[in-house]
Amino acid sequence: MFATVLHNLKSPENTGMIVRTHVAFGGEKLVIVGPEPWRFKKRSQAFSRRLERITQIIHIPDDESFFRWCETESFTPISIEISENPIYLPKFSFPNRPAVIVGHEGKGLPEEFMRRCASVVTIPQFGGVACMNAAVSCCIALYELNRTRPVERTITGHKFFVDETEKPEGFEQLLPPDRAKPSAR
């Protein structure tokens, strides 16, 4: 299992995309580090498809508390950030319980924070752009983390089949009214 960590993210769209990817890849915990808990509103929900309602979200107010949480929960903090001495993502082997961390859209992750992480992993780039979007970087890292897992789901049409027993409690409330099953009376 893995945790996805959003360190002082500000964009509702980025947050929403990361939540959706976290759930799609079977993430255990979504951790939001920053002084205020994230408020999911229309802009973030348009990208998350309201999946924040069915994932475990933990708010941690500061870096010190975050590193204590990692130790207590046996997660290994792995920063996804551009670094001068990079470990490139294709050559990186994720530990058993990684906490995959992305930082603020403009500032990235603080140097002191990255020094405390087990690894700082850089996604290689080949075009004329200085850096990638935070959500895109997180999604690439989560894909790479899960790339070698066996695919056990069947595909129905253009979607993966999810058995009723696998759907989390409250899943029906996420569906549009025309797709939700009528409740038992």
Protein backbone atom coordinates (compact mmCIF):
# COMPACT_ATOMS: atom_id res chain seq x y z
CA MET A 1 0.00 0.00 0.00
CA PHE A 2 0.98 3.61 -0.39
CA ALA A 3 0.03 7.07 0.78
CA THR A 4 -0.24 10.10 -1.46
CA VAL A 5 0.91 13.34 0.16
CA LEU A 6 -0.01 16.85 -0.96
CA HIS A 7 2.36 19.36 0.64
CA ASN A 8 0.84 22.87 0.65
CA LEU A 9 -0.93 22.46 -2.72
CA LYS A 10 -3.14 25.40 -3.65
CA SER A 11 -4.85 24.43 -6.92
CA PRO A 12 -8.30 22.83 -6.62
CA GLU A 13 -7.85 21.24 -10.04
CA ASN A 14 -4.50 19.67 -9.10
CA THR A 15 -5.90 18.40 -5.82
CA GLY A 16 -8.91 16.89 -7.58
CA MET A 17 -6.81 15.11 -10.22
CA ILE A 18 -4.50 13.68 -7.56
CA VAL A 19 -7.43 12.40 -5.49
CA ARG A 20 -8.89 10.62 -8.51
CA THR A 21 -5.55 9.03 -9.40
CA HIS A 22 -4.93 8.04 -5.76
CA VAL A 23 -8.25 6.19 -5.64
CA ALA A 24 -7.80 4.64 -9.12
CA PHE A 25 -4.46 3.11 -8.09
CA GLY A 26 -5.77 1.87 -4.74
CA GLY A 27 -3.99 4.29 -2.41
CA GLU A 28 -4.38 3.67 1.28
CA LYS A 29 -4.27 7.20 2.71
CA LEU A 30 -4.34 10.67 1.20
CA VAL A 31 -2.39 13.08 3.38
CA ILE A 32 -2.70 16.84 3.15
CA VAL A 33 0.14 18.73 4.84
CA GLY A 34 -0.42 22.42 5.48
CA PRO A 35 -1.79 24.86 8.01
CA GLU A 36 -5.45 24.45 6.98
CA PRO A 37 -7.45 21.35 6.01
CA TRP A 38 -8.42 21.22 2.33
CA ARG A 39 -11.99 22.21 1.52
CA PHE A 40 -13.37 20.20 -1.39
CA LYS A 41 -15.64 22.44 -3.44
CA LYS A 42 -16.93 22.47 -7.02
CA ARG A 43 -13.58 23.15 -8.74
CA SER A 44 -11.73 20.30 -7.02
CA GLN A 45 -14.77 17.99 -7.15
CA ALA A 46 -15.07 18.48 -10.92
CA PHE A 47 -11.65 16.80 -11.24
CA SER A 48 -11.91 14.32 -8.34
CA ARG A 49 -15.39 13.12 -9.35
CA ARG A 50 -16.16 13.45 -5.60
CA LEU A 51 -13.91 10.51 -4.77
CA GLU A 52 -12.61 12.42 -1.75
CA ARG A 53 -15.79 11.17 -0.05
CA ILE A 54 -14.62 7.56 -0.17
CA THR A 55 -10.90 7.81 0.57
CA GLN A 56 -9.26 8.26 3.92
CA ILE A 57 -7.97 11.84 4.11
CA ILE A 58 -5.61 12.88 6.87
CA HIS A 59 -4.77 16.51 7.55
CA ILE A 60 -1.39 17.19 9.13
CA PRO A 61 -0.66 20.84 9.97
CA ASP A 62 3.16 20.94 9.73
CA ASP A 63 6.28 19.13 8.55
CA GLU A 64 7.41 17.90 11.96
CA SER A 65 4.03 16.27 12.58
CA PHE A 66 4.15 14.72 9.11
CA PHE A 67 7.50 13.00 9.68
CA ARG A 68 6.28 11.71 13.07
CA TRP A 69 3.16 10.38 11.33
CA CYS A 70 5.31 8.58 8.71
CA GLU A 71 7.30 6.91 11.48
CA THR A 72 4.21 5.91 13.45
CA GLU A 73 2.40 4.57 10.37
CA SER A 74 5.53 2.91 8.88
CA PHE A 75 5.49 4.96 5.67
CA THR A 76 8.73 5.93 3.93
CA PRO A 77 8.63 9.56 2.71
CA ILE A 78 9.57 9.84 -0.99
CA SER A 79 9.65 13.34 -2.53
CA ILE A 80 8.81 13.80 -6.19
CA GLU A 81 10.82 16.91 -7.04
CA ILE A 82 13.47 18.19 -9.41
CA SER A 83 16.82 17.81 -7.68
CA GLU A 84 20.39 18.73 -8.56
CA ASN A 85 21.55 15.20 -7.67
CA PRO A 86 18.60 13.27 -9.04
CA ILE A 87 17.49 9.73 -8.67
CA TYR A 88 15.51 9.43 -11.89
CA LEU A 89 12.12 7.78 -11.61
CA PRO A 90 12.76 4.97 -14.15
CA LYS A 91 15.74 3.76 -12.07
CA PHE A 92 14.05 4.17 -8.68
CA SER A 93 12.73 1.20 -6.69
CA PHE A 94 9.92 2.22 -4.37
CA PRO A 95 10.00 0.87 -0.81
CA ASN A 96 7.16 -1.30 0.54
CA ARG A 97 5.08 1.50 2.09
CA PRO A 98 5.96 4.73 0.32
CA ALA A 99 4.43 8.10 1.08
CA VAL A 100 4.66 9.74 -2.36
CA ILE A 101 4.94 13.51 -1.83
CA VAL A 102 4.35 16.42 -4.22
CA GLY A 103 4.73 20.06 -3.27
CA HIS A 104 3.34 23.51 -3.89
CA GLU A 105 2.73 24.35 -7.53
CA GLY A 106 5.09 27.33 -7.58
CA LYS A 107 7.58 26.70 -4.79
CA GLY A 108 7.84 22.91 -4.82
CA LEU A 109 9.06 21.23 -1.65
CA PRO A 110 11.34 23.07 0.81
CA GLU A 111 15.00 21.95 0.86
CA GLU A 112 14.87 21.14 4.59
CA PHE A 113 11.79 18.95 4.01
CA MET A 114 13.48 17.05 1.17
CA ARG A 115 16.60 16.42 3.29
CA ARG A 116 14.40 14.54 5.75
CA CYS A 117 12.88 12.28 3.07
CA ALA A 118 14.31 8.83 2.38
CA SER A 119 14.66 9.72 -1.32
CA VAL A 120 14.10 12.61 -3.69
CA VAL A 121 12.98 11.28 -7.07
CA THR A 122 13.04 13.31 -10.28
CA ILE A 123 10.94 12.64 -13.36
CA PRO A 124 13.16 13.12 -16.42
CA GLN A 125 12.05 15.71 -18.97
CA PHE A 126 13.14 16.02 -22.58
CA GLY A 127 11.37 19.09 -23.96
CA GLY A 128 11.63 22.83 -23.58
CA VAL A 129 9.75 23.12 -20.27
CA ALA A 130 11.47 23.80 -16.94
CA CYS A 131 9.06 21.69 -14.85
CA MET A 132 5.80 19.78 -15.00
CA ASN A 133 2.47 20.41 -13.33
CA ALA A 134 2.28 19.06 -9.74
CA ALA A 135 -0.72 16.82 -10.47
CA VAL A 136 0.86 15.42 -13.63
CA SER A 137 4.09 14.67 -11.74
CA CYS A 138 2.19 12.93 -8.95
CA CYS A 139 0.13 10.89 -11.41
CA ILE A 140 3.25 9.78 -13.31
CA ALA A 141 4.93 8.74 -10.03
CA LEU A 142 1.84 6.80 -8.86
CA TYR A 143 1.64 5.06 -12.22
CA GLU A 144 5.31 4.07 -12.02
CA LEU A 145 4.81 2.84 -8.44
CA ASN A 146 1.95 0.60 -9.61
CA ARG A 147 3.22 -0.29 -13.10
CA THR A 148 4.39 -3.79 -12.24
CA ARG A 149 1.27 -4.81 -10.31
CA PRO A 150 -0.70 -7.52 -12.08
CA VAL A 151 -3.87 -6.27 -13.77
CA GLU A 152 -6.66 -8.42 -12.42
CA ARG A 153 -9.67 -6.39 -13.47
CA THR A 154 -11.71 -7.10 -16.57
CA ILE A 155 -12.75 -4.32 -18.90
CA THR A 156 -16.37 -3.70 -19.77
CA GLY A 157 -16.78 -1.25 -22.62
CA HIS A 158 -14.40 1.60 -21.86
CA LYS A 159 -14.14 1.08 -18.11
CA PHE A 160 -12.62 -1.37 -15.68
CA PHE A 161 -15.21 -3.58 -13.99
CA VAL A 162 -15.51 -3.02 -10.24
CA ASP A 163 -17.49 -5.67 -8.38
CA GLU A 164 -20.19 -4.45 -6.00
CA THR A 165 -18.32 -5.99 -3.05
CA GLU A 166 -15.27 -3.82 -3.82
CA LYS A 167 -17.10 -0.52 -3.92
CA PRO A 168 -16.61 1.50 -0.74
CA GLU A 169 -19.50 2.44 1.47
CA GLY A 170 -21.20 5.57 0.15
CA PHE A 171 -20.19 4.91 -3.47
CA GLU A 172 -23.77 5.17 -4.73
CA GLN A 173 -24.03 8.78 -3.56
CA LEU A 174 -21.22 9.69 -5.98
CA LEU A 175 -23.13 8.52 -9.04
CA PRO A 176 -25.41 10.83 -11.03
CA PRO A 177 -29.09 10.20 -10.16
CA ASP A 178 -29.75 8.39 -13.45
CA ARG A 179 -26.98 5.81 -12.72
CA ALA A 180 -27.57 5.22 -9.01
CA LYS A 181 -29.51 2.09 -8.10
CA PRO A 182 -32.88 2.66 -6.47
CA SER A 183 -32.60 2.21 -2.74
CA ALA A 184 -34.22 -0.82 -1.13
CA ARG A 185 -37.47 0.02 0.57
